[in-house]
Amino acid sequence: MLGLIALVGCAEEPTTVTTTTTTQQVTTTGPAREVVVTRPPPPVRIETQTVAPGPGYVWTSGYWRWTGTDYVWVPGTWVVRPSPVAVWVEGHWVRRSGGWVWIPGHWR
């Protein structure tokens, strides 16, 4: 019993560990139907690329997303490369007959 009482005072304070996890779901297929936007997208914003959170991450640039009524800026982010040889192809707006169409980014 005396040994048990002696151990009660010896407990260490728990160590606090802070971690940051970067995740993003990347869609690799286009929309079910092509949406033609009659207004051109605003100029692409120049972003400051931060330091990669770790090995195997790839920077995906920000882009203008069409909401159905207006463009909203989606900032660039780091994503995990799905394989060592995968290459990220940036999404982009393309001028088509009648307006602008978004071509989503994808892994190649």
C-alpha atoms as a PDB file:
ATOM      1  CA  MET A   1       0.000   0.000   0.000  1.00  0.00           C
ATOM      2  CA  LEU A   2       2.848   2.368   0.824  1.00  0.00           C
ATOM      3  CA  GLY A   3       4.336   1.794  -2.669  1.00  0.00           C
ATOM      4  CA  LEU A   4       1.042   2.782  -4.302  1.00  0.00           C
ATOM      5  CA  ILE A   5       0.895   6.034  -2.334  1.00  0.00           C
ATOM      6  CA  ALA A   6       4.455   6.864  -3.390  1.00  0.00           C
ATOM      7  CA  LEU A   7       3.547   6.495  -7.093  1.00  0.00           C
ATOM      8  CA  VAL A   8       0.615   8.913  -6.866  1.00  0.00           C
ATOM      9  CA  GLY A   9       2.894  11.931  -6.555  1.00  0.00           C
ATOM     10  CA  CYS A  10       5.160  10.842  -9.447  1.00  0.00           C
ATOM     11  CA  ALA A  11       2.771  11.372 -12.363  1.00  0.00           C
ATOM     12  CA  GLU A  12       4.225  13.540 -15.127  1.00  0.00           C
ATOM     13  CA  GLU A  13       2.299  16.373 -16.738  1.00  0.00           C
ATOM     14  CA  PRO A  14       1.074  15.373 -20.220  1.00  0.00           C
ATOM     15  CA  THR A  15       3.096  16.846 -23.071  1.00  0.00           C
ATOM     16  CA  THR A  16       1.132  19.106 -25.417  1.00  0.00           C
ATOM     17  CA  VAL A  17       1.836  18.419 -29.081  1.00  0.00           C
ATOM     18  CA  THR A  18       0.496  20.710 -31.797  1.00  0.00           C
ATOM     19  CA  THR A  19       0.253  19.393 -35.337  1.00  0.00           C
ATOM     20  CA  THR A  20      -1.025  20.900 -38.569  1.00  0.00           C
ATOM     21  CA  THR A  21      -2.655  18.767 -41.210  1.00  0.00           C
ATOM     22  CA  THR A  22      -3.183  20.060 -44.738  1.00  0.00           C
ATOM     23  CA  THR A  23      -5.848  18.286 -46.727  1.00  0.00           C
ATOM     24  CA  GLN A  24      -7.797  19.028 -49.855  1.00  0.00           C
ATOM     25  CA  GLN A  25      -9.993  16.858 -51.964  1.00  0.00           C
ATOM     26  CA  VAL A  26      -9.040  17.275 -55.597  1.00  0.00           C
ATOM     27  CA  THR A  27     -11.637  16.448 -58.211  1.00  0.00           C
ATOM     28  CA  THR A  28     -10.090  14.654 -61.145  1.00  0.00           C
ATOM     29  CA  THR A  29     -13.162  14.508 -63.361  1.00  0.00           C
ATOM     30  CA  GLY A  30     -15.018  17.357 -64.990  1.00  0.00           C
ATOM     31  CA  PRO A  31     -18.555  18.437 -64.218  1.00  0.00           C
ATOM     32  CA  ALA A  32     -21.448  16.352 -65.549  1.00  0.00           C
ATOM     33  CA  ARG A  33     -22.301  19.155 -67.955  1.00  0.00           C
ATOM     34  CA  GLU A  34     -20.270  22.016 -69.339  1.00  0.00           C
ATOM     35  CA  VAL A  35     -21.263  25.417 -67.948  1.00  0.00           C
ATOM     36  CA  VAL A  36     -20.676  28.361 -70.286  1.00  0.00           C
ATOM     37  CA  VAL A  37     -20.232  31.681 -68.473  1.00  0.00           C
ATOM     38  CA  THR A  38     -20.877  34.763 -70.607  1.00  0.00           C
ATOM     39  CA  ARG A  39     -18.658  37.032 -68.463  1.00  0.00           C
ATOM     40  CA  PRO A  40     -14.890  36.526 -68.634  1.00  0.00           C
ATOM     41  CA  PRO A  41     -13.147  35.604 -65.372  1.00  0.00           C
ATOM     42  CA  PRO A  42     -11.207  38.352 -63.559  1.00  0.00           C
ATOM     43  CA  PRO A  43      -7.411  38.398 -63.946  1.00  0.00           C
ATOM     44  CA  VAL A  44      -5.658  35.631 -62.014  1.00  0.00           C
ATOM     45  CA  ARG A  45      -4.357  36.830 -58.657  1.00  0.00           C
ATOM     46  CA  ILE A  46      -0.651  36.653 -57.910  1.00  0.00           C
ATOM     47  CA  GLU A  47      -0.249  34.565 -54.770  1.00  0.00           C
ATOM     48  CA  THR A  48       2.677  34.080 -52.443  1.00  0.00           C
ATOM     49  CA  GLN A  49       3.498  30.394 -52.365  1.00  0.00           C
ATOM     50  CA  THR A  50       4.193  29.299 -48.803  1.00  0.00           C
ATOM     51  CA  VAL A  51       6.748  26.688 -47.751  1.00  0.00           C
ATOM     52  CA  ALA A  52       5.621  23.111 -48.419  1.00  0.00           C
ATOM     53  CA  PRO A  53       4.284  21.433 -45.265  1.00  0.00           C
ATOM     54  CA  GLY A  54       6.399  18.366 -46.004  1.00  0.00           C
ATOM     55  CA  PRO A  55       7.877  16.120 -48.674  1.00  0.00           C
ATOM     56  CA  GLY A  56       5.522  14.898 -51.380  1.00  0.00           C
ATOM     57  CA  TYR A  57       3.370  18.038 -51.478  1.00  0.00           C
ATOM     58  CA  VAL A  58       2.580  19.977 -54.672  1.00  0.00           C
ATOM     59  CA  TRP A  59       1.352  23.582 -54.867  1.00  0.00           C
ATOM     60  CA  THR A  60      -1.958  24.022 -56.704  1.00  0.00           C
ATOM     61  CA  SER A  61      -2.511  27.633 -57.752  1.00  0.00           C
ATOM     62  CA  GLY A  62      -5.608  29.600 -56.861  1.00  0.00           C
ATOM     63  CA  TYR A  63      -8.346  30.140 -59.428  1.00  0.00           C
ATOM     64  CA  TRP A  64     -11.640  31.903 -60.043  1.00  0.00           C
ATOM     65  CA  ARG A  65     -14.664  29.628 -59.468  1.00  0.00           C
ATOM     66  CA  TRP A  66     -18.054  30.457 -60.979  1.00  0.00           C
ATOM     67  CA  THR A  67     -20.895  30.246 -58.411  1.00  0.00           C
ATOM     68  CA  GLY A  68     -23.723  30.595 -60.905  1.00  0.00           C
ATOM     69  CA  THR A  69     -23.990  34.337 -60.300  1.00  0.00           C
ATOM     70  CA  ASP A  70     -20.437  35.584 -59.768  1.00  0.00           C
ATOM     71  CA  TYR A  71     -16.774  34.608 -59.607  1.00  0.00           C
ATOM     72  CA  VAL A  72     -15.170  33.852 -56.228  1.00  0.00           C
ATOM     73  CA  TRP A  73     -11.451  33.388 -55.636  1.00  0.00           C
ATOM     74  CA  VAL A  74     -10.312  29.955 -54.414  1.00  0.00           C
ATOM     75  CA  PRO A  75      -6.822  30.373 -52.906  1.00  0.00           C
ATOM     76  CA  GLY A  76      -3.922  28.121 -53.811  1.00  0.00           C
ATOM     77  CA  THR A  77      -3.012  25.298 -51.468  1.00  0.00           C
ATOM     78  CA  TRP A  78      -0.629  22.400 -50.942  1.00  0.00           C
ATOM     79  CA  VAL A  79      -1.900  18.900 -51.783  1.00  0.00           C
ATOM     80  CA  VAL A  80      -0.265  15.507 -51.381  1.00  0.00           C
ATOM     81  CA  ARG A  81       1.040  14.064 -54.648  1.00  0.00           C
ATOM     82  CA  PRO A  82      -0.829  10.749 -55.213  1.00  0.00           C
ATOM     83  CA  SER A  83       2.309   9.078 -56.600  1.00  0.00           C
ATOM     84  CA  PRO A  84       5.962  10.105 -56.959  1.00  0.00           C
ATOM     85  CA  VAL A  85       5.620  10.562 -60.737  1.00  0.00           C
ATOM     86  CA  ALA A  86       2.232  12.362 -60.771  1.00  0.00           C
ATOM     87  CA  VAL A  87       2.174  15.873 -62.266  1.00  0.00           C
ATOM     88  CA  TRP A  88      -0.536  18.422 -61.408  1.00  0.00           C
ATOM     89  CA  VAL A  89      -2.054  20.122 -64.480  1.00  0.00           C
ATOM     90  CA  GLU A  90      -3.599  23.437 -63.397  1.00  0.00           C
ATOM     91  CA  GLY A  91      -7.247  24.156 -64.109  1.00  0.00           C
ATOM     92  CA  HIS A  92      -7.938  27.100 -66.412  1.00  0.00           C
ATOM     93  CA  TRP A  93     -10.669  29.069 -68.168  1.00  0.00           C
ATOM     94  CA  VAL A  94     -11.026  28.585 -71.938  1.00  0.00           C
ATOM     95  CA  ARG A  95     -12.814  30.907 -74.358  1.00  0.00           C
ATOM     96  CA  ARG A  96     -15.477  28.992 -76.259  1.00  0.00           C
ATOM     97  CA  SER A  97     -18.343  29.963 -78.523  1.00  0.00           C
ATOM     98  CA  GLY A  98     -20.752  31.950 -76.378  1.00  0.00           C
ATOM     99  CA  GLY A  99     -18.504  32.455 -73.361  1.00  0.00           C
ATOM    100  CA  TRP A 100     -15.990  30.897 -70.982  1.00  0.00           C
ATOM    101  CA  VAL A 101     -15.697  27.290 -69.766  1.00  0.00           C
ATOM    102  CA  TRP A 102     -13.727  26.012 -66.748  1.00  0.00           C
ATOM    103  CA  ILE A 103     -11.338  23.124 -67.419  1.00  0.00           C
ATOM    104  CA  PRO A 104     -10.666  21.533 -63.989  1.00  0.00           C
ATOM    105  CA  GLY A 105      -7.158  20.755 -62.765  1.00  0.00           C
ATOM    106  CA  HIS A 106      -6.132  17.103 -62.722  1.00  0.00           C
ATOM    107  CA  TRP A 107      -3.268  14.697 -62.070  1.00  0.00           C
ATOM    108  CA  ARG A 108      -1.363  13.285 -65.027  1.00  0.00           C
END
